[in-house]
Protein backbone atom coordinates (compact mmCIF):
# COMPACT_ATOMS: atom_id res chain seq x y z
CA MET A 1 0.02 0.07 0.16
CA SER A 2 1.32 3.41 -0.86
CA GLY A 3 0.19 5.23 2.49
CA LYS A 4 -1.97 7.76 0.78
CA LYS A 5 -5.50 8.21 2.24
CA ARG A 6 -8.28 8.12 -0.68
CA LYS A 7 -10.23 11.53 -0.39
CA LYS A 8 -14.06 10.65 0.17
CA ARG A 9 -16.26 11.49 -2.31
CA GLU A 10 -18.49 14.47 -1.51
CA LEU A 11 -21.98 15.27 -2.87
CA THR A 12 -22.32 18.19 -4.80
CA PRO A 13 -25.05 20.93 -3.82
CA PHE A 14 -27.12 19.36 -6.41
CA GLY A 15 -26.46 16.14 -5.22
CA LYS A 16 -27.57 17.13 -1.75
CA ALA A 17 -30.80 18.51 -2.98
CA VAL A 18 -31.41 15.56 -4.79
CA LYS A 19 -30.87 13.09 -1.98
CA LYS A 20 -32.83 15.29 0.58
CA LYS A 21 -35.90 15.17 -1.84
CA LEU A 22 -35.39 11.32 -2.52
CA ILE A 23 -35.56 10.84 1.00
CA ASP A 24 -38.43 13.10 1.48
CA MET A 25 -40.44 11.07 -1.36
CA GLY A 26 -39.33 7.58 -0.14
CA MET A 27 -37.97 7.05 -3.48
CA THR A 28 -34.55 5.46 -4.42
CA GLN A 29 -31.78 6.23 -6.75
CA GLY A 30 -32.41 3.14 -8.65
CA GLN A 31 -36.08 3.92 -9.03
CA LEU A 32 -35.15 7.71 -10.10
CA GLU A 33 -32.76 6.28 -12.73
CA LYS A 34 -35.52 4.20 -13.94
CA GLU A 35 -38.21 6.87 -14.16
CA ILE A 36 -35.82 9.18 -15.94
CA GLY A 37 -34.28 6.43 -18.20
CA ALA A 38 -30.56 6.64 -16.90
CA PRO A 39 -28.09 4.01 -17.02
CA PHE A 40 -27.58 2.07 -13.81
CA ASN A 41 -25.53 4.15 -11.33
CA TYR A 42 -25.39 7.20 -13.51
CA VAL A 43 -27.38 9.22 -10.89
CA THR A 44 -24.85 8.47 -8.37
CA GLN A 45 -22.04 9.81 -10.50
CA MET A 46 -24.13 12.82 -11.34
CA LEU A 47 -24.63 13.50 -7.63
CA TYR A 48 -20.87 13.37 -6.73
CA GLY A 49 -19.92 15.41 -9.83
CA GLU A 50 -18.27 12.74 -11.69
CA LYS A 51 -20.83 13.33 -14.77
CA LEU A 52 -22.46 16.30 -15.76
CA GLY A 53 -25.72 14.43 -16.87
CA LEU A 54 -27.12 17.68 -18.42
CA LYS A 55 -29.59 15.60 -20.34
CA TYR A 56 -31.27 14.12 -17.29
CA ILE A 57 -31.18 17.17 -14.71
CA PRO A 58 -34.37 18.74 -16.31
CA LYS A 59 -35.96 15.18 -15.90
CA ILE A 60 -34.90 14.70 -12.57
CA ALA A 61 -36.24 18.20 -11.59
CA GLU A 62 -39.45 17.33 -12.93
CA VAL A 63 -39.78 13.84 -11.24
CA LEU A 64 -38.76 15.15 -8.16
CA GLY A 65 -40.39 18.74 -8.27
CA ILE A 66 -37.23 20.77 -7.62
CA ASP A 67 -36.11 23.96 -8.84
CA ILE A 68 -32.81 23.63 -11.08
CA SER A 69 -32.34 27.11 -11.84
CA LYS A 70 -29.26 27.30 -9.38
CA TRP A 71 -27.48 24.57 -11.19
CA VAL A 72 -28.59 25.00 -14.94
CA SER A 73 -28.25 28.59 -16.52
């Protein structure tokens, strides 16, 4: 082992908003992915800033009823 600590992934502000809304609605990320037609684990990568997912952001906003104006200009 190299002795380097792996940096813990952090949710983006968008990711935090989505996670909170999913919890409030009792919905899983997997259910959200199916609803918006995203590939498996894609939403997770979006929430951590590893994928932009610009095509899916409006769909997520519609399904979850969130305002995306803070994240999309």
